[in-house]
Amino acid sequence: MRRKGFTLLELVVAMAIVMILLTIAVPRLDRYVARVRLRFAGMTLVQDLRNMQMNAEVDESFYTIVFVTNENRYYFRQGTKSYAPPGTVRTERSLSRYAGFPLAVGKRNPVSAVFGIQTSMVSPVVTMSFNEMGRPAGASGGGHVTFLDVYGDRVDVIVTPVDGNIRMAWVQ
């Protein structure tokens, strides 16, 4: 008599092989997803800074970005003050718990934003401004913002002091 189908033993062996392959692949997939989230956070900040720089040039006004590192968020507004009266915030971003400022993802390194003499080691609120020509303004000049993910991968968003060039760099 000719049989069609699989025996129970064949199904168990096939399921065991699939489970072994999944236990190997899932940790790598988690790390890949974390790196994608980190890259997305960095590229979002780069785009927000470029938009803020362009708004400063078009409106011929100062624009300030405020990093609130202990709350894992940032916002930018027109003007040079670090506080934001109601209605003046243009964009606000809350970062995820998977990719953001070092303290927000459970890392001990508190240095997450440095602009001129302002650093997140001194205060959880760090500001940076662009003048009406789209260049970094005042004593803050250029600087960098560091984002980490839960695996310790790091990306820096860098604003050069003289011309205000904005770029993202992976740090090994």
Protein backbone atom coordinates (compact mmCIF):
# COMPACT_ATOMS: atom_id res chain seq x y z
CA MET A 1 0.00 0.00 0.00
CA ARG A 2 1.43 3.39 -0.98
CA ARG A 3 1.47 6.06 1.81
CA LYS A 4 1.11 9.78 1.32
CA GLY A 5 2.21 12.33 3.91
CA PHE A 6 4.82 12.45 6.65
CA THR A 7 5.38 10.33 9.71
CA LEU A 8 5.27 11.82 13.17
CA LEU A 9 9.02 11.36 13.54
CA GLU A 10 9.71 13.33 10.35
CA LEU A 11 7.52 16.20 11.54
CA VAL A 12 9.26 16.32 14.94
CA VAL A 13 12.72 16.39 13.32
CA ALA A 14 11.64 19.15 10.91
CA MET A 15 10.19 21.23 13.78
CA ALA A 16 13.40 20.78 15.81
CA ILE A 17 15.51 22.04 12.90
CA VAL A 18 13.25 25.08 12.46
CA MET A 19 13.42 25.89 16.20
CA ILE A 20 17.24 25.69 16.19
CA LEU A 21 17.43 28.05 13.21
CA LEU A 22 15.04 30.50 14.89
CA THR A 23 17.08 30.61 18.11
CA ILE A 24 20.13 31.51 16.03
CA ALA A 25 18.39 34.15 13.88
CA VAL A 26 16.24 36.06 16.41
CA PRO A 27 19.06 37.75 18.43
CA ARG A 28 20.64 38.97 15.20
CA LEU A 29 17.31 40.29 14.03
CA ASP A 30 16.84 42.20 17.31
CA ARG A 31 20.22 43.87 16.93
CA TYR A 32 19.43 44.75 13.31
CA VAL A 33 16.10 46.33 14.33
CA ALA A 34 17.89 48.30 17.09
CA ARG A 35 20.42 49.65 14.57
CA VAL A 36 17.62 50.64 12.20
CA ARG A 37 15.86 52.53 15.01
CA LEU A 38 19.13 54.24 15.95
CA ARG A 39 19.77 55.25 12.35
CA PHE A 40 16.20 56.54 12.07
CA ALA A 41 16.62 58.65 15.25
CA GLY A 42 19.87 60.13 13.92
CA MET A 43 18.52 60.86 10.45
CA THR A 44 15.37 62.41 11.93
CA LEU A 45 17.49 64.79 14.02
CA VAL A 46 19.64 65.65 10.98
CA GLN A 47 16.51 66.46 8.99
CA ASP A 48 15.00 68.50 11.85
CA LEU A 49 18.23 70.50 12.21
CA ARG A 50 18.36 71.17 8.47
CA ASN A 51 14.72 72.29 8.51
CA MET A 52 15.44 74.56 11.47
CA GLN A 53 18.48 75.98 9.67
CA MET A 54 16.40 76.63 6.55
CA ASN A 55 13.60 78.26 8.60
CA ALA A 56 16.17 80.56 10.22
CA GLU A 57 17.35 81.72 6.78
CA VAL A 58 13.86 82.09 5.29
CA ASP A 59 12.36 83.88 8.32
CA GLU A 60 15.60 85.86 8.89
CA SER A 61 15.33 85.03 12.56
CA PHE A 62 17.12 82.98 15.20
CA TYR A 63 15.94 79.41 15.75
CA THR A 64 16.87 77.41 18.83
CA ILE A 65 16.82 73.68 19.40
CA VAL A 66 16.43 72.52 22.98
CA PHE A 67 17.58 69.04 23.99
CA VAL A 68 15.95 67.76 27.18
CA THR A 69 18.21 64.76 27.68
CA ASN A 70 16.70 63.41 30.89
CA GLU A 71 13.26 63.20 29.21
CA ASN A 72 14.65 61.78 25.92
CA ARG A 73 13.12 64.51 23.77
CA TYR A 74 13.96 67.69 21.91
CA TYR A 75 12.10 70.59 20.35
CA PHE A 76 12.92 73.68 18.35
CA ARG A 77 11.37 77.09 18.34
CA GLN A 78 11.81 80.55 16.93
CA GLY A 79 13.90 82.82 19.15
CA THR A 80 16.88 82.28 21.42
CA LYS A 81 15.36 81.40 24.80
CA SER A 82 15.62 77.84 26.12
CA TYR A 83 12.03 77.79 27.41
CA ALA A 84 9.12 77.59 25.02
CA PRO A 85 6.03 79.70 25.70
CA PRO A 86 2.79 78.11 24.48
CA GLY A 87 2.36 78.25 20.72
CA THR A 88 6.02 78.85 19.85
CA VAL A 89 7.20 75.27 19.48
CA ARG A 90 7.58 74.32 15.83
CA THR A 91 8.58 70.66 16.19
CA GLU A 92 8.85 68.38 19.20
CA ARG A 93 10.20 64.84 19.11
CA SER A 94 10.08 62.23 21.82
CA LEU A 95 12.64 59.53 21.20
CA SER A 96 11.94 55.85 21.80
CA ARG A 97 13.31 53.91 24.72
CA TYR A 98 15.27 51.79 22.24
CA ALA A 99 17.34 54.57 20.69
CA GLY A 100 17.95 57.94 22.26
CA PHE A 101 20.10 59.85 24.68
CA PRO A 102 22.42 57.57 26.71
CA LEU A 103 20.64 57.89 30.06
CA ALA A 104 17.30 57.15 28.43
CA VAL A 105 18.44 53.74 27.17
CA GLY A 106 20.02 52.75 30.49
CA LYS A 107 23.66 53.63 29.80
CA ARG A 108 25.71 55.37 32.47
CA ASN A 109 27.46 57.81 30.13
CA PRO A 110 25.60 61.11 30.69
CA VAL A 111 27.33 63.04 27.89
CA SER A 112 24.71 63.15 25.19
CA ALA A 113 24.75 66.73 23.92
CA VAL A 114 27.66 69.17 23.70
CA PHE A 115 27.41 72.63 22.12
CA GLY A 116 30.17 75.09 22.93
CA ILE A 117 30.44 75.28 26.72
CA GLN A 118 27.01 73.69 27.26
CA THR A 119 27.05 70.00 28.03
CA SER A 120 24.47 67.52 29.27
CA MET A 121 26.83 66.63 32.17
CA VAL A 122 26.15 70.05 33.68
CA SER A 123 22.48 70.46 32.81
CA PRO A 124 19.87 68.11 31.30
CA VAL A 125 18.74 71.01 29.06
CA VAL A 126 21.19 71.92 26.30
CA THR A 127 20.42 74.50 23.60
CA MET A 128 21.87 75.36 20.23
CA SER A 129 20.81 78.22 17.93
CA PHE A 130 21.07 79.07 14.25
CA ASN A 131 21.28 82.76 13.28
CA GLU A 132 19.46 84.41 10.39
CA MET A 133 22.16 83.21 7.97
CA GLY A 134 21.71 79.58 9.00
CA ARG A 135 25.00 79.36 10.90
CA PRO A 136 25.49 78.27 14.52
CA ALA A 137 25.03 81.33 16.71
CA GLY A 138 26.64 82.67 19.83
CA ALA A 139 29.01 80.89 22.20
CA SER A 140 27.36 77.54 21.50
CA GLY A 141 28.85 77.35 18.01
CA GLY A 142 28.89 73.81 16.71
CA GLY A 143 28.76 70.62 18.65
CA HIS A 144 27.33 67.13 18.61
CA VAL A 145 24.50 65.01 19.92
CA THR A 146 25.01 61.35 20.77
CA PHE A 147 22.35 58.68 20.41
CA LEU A 148 22.76 55.13 21.70
CA ASP A 149 20.73 51.98 21.36
CA VAL A 150 20.26 49.20 23.91
CA TYR A 151 23.25 47.28 22.47
CA GLY A 152 25.62 50.23 22.91
CA ASP A 153 25.83 51.14 19.22
CA ARG A 154 26.38 54.88 18.90
CA VAL A 155 25.63 57.53 16.33
CA ASP A 156 26.65 61.20 16.55
CA VAL A 157 24.87 64.07 14.84
CA ILE A 158 27.49 66.76 14.30
CA VAL A 159 27.05 70.47 13.59
CA THR A 160 30.27 72.13 12.44
CA PRO A 161 30.94 75.50 14.12
CA VAL A 162 31.88 77.73 11.17
CA ASP A 163 29.48 76.86 8.37
CA GLY A 164 26.77 74.90 10.19
CA ASN A 165 27.21 71.74 8.13
CA ILE A 166 25.09 68.96 9.65
CA ARG A 167 25.99 65.27 9.33
CA MET A 168 25.53 61.94 11.03
CA ALA A 169 28.42 59.60 11.85
CA TRP A 170 28.52 56.08 13.27
CA VAL A 171 30.99 55.80 16.15
CA GLN A 172 32.80 52.50 16.63
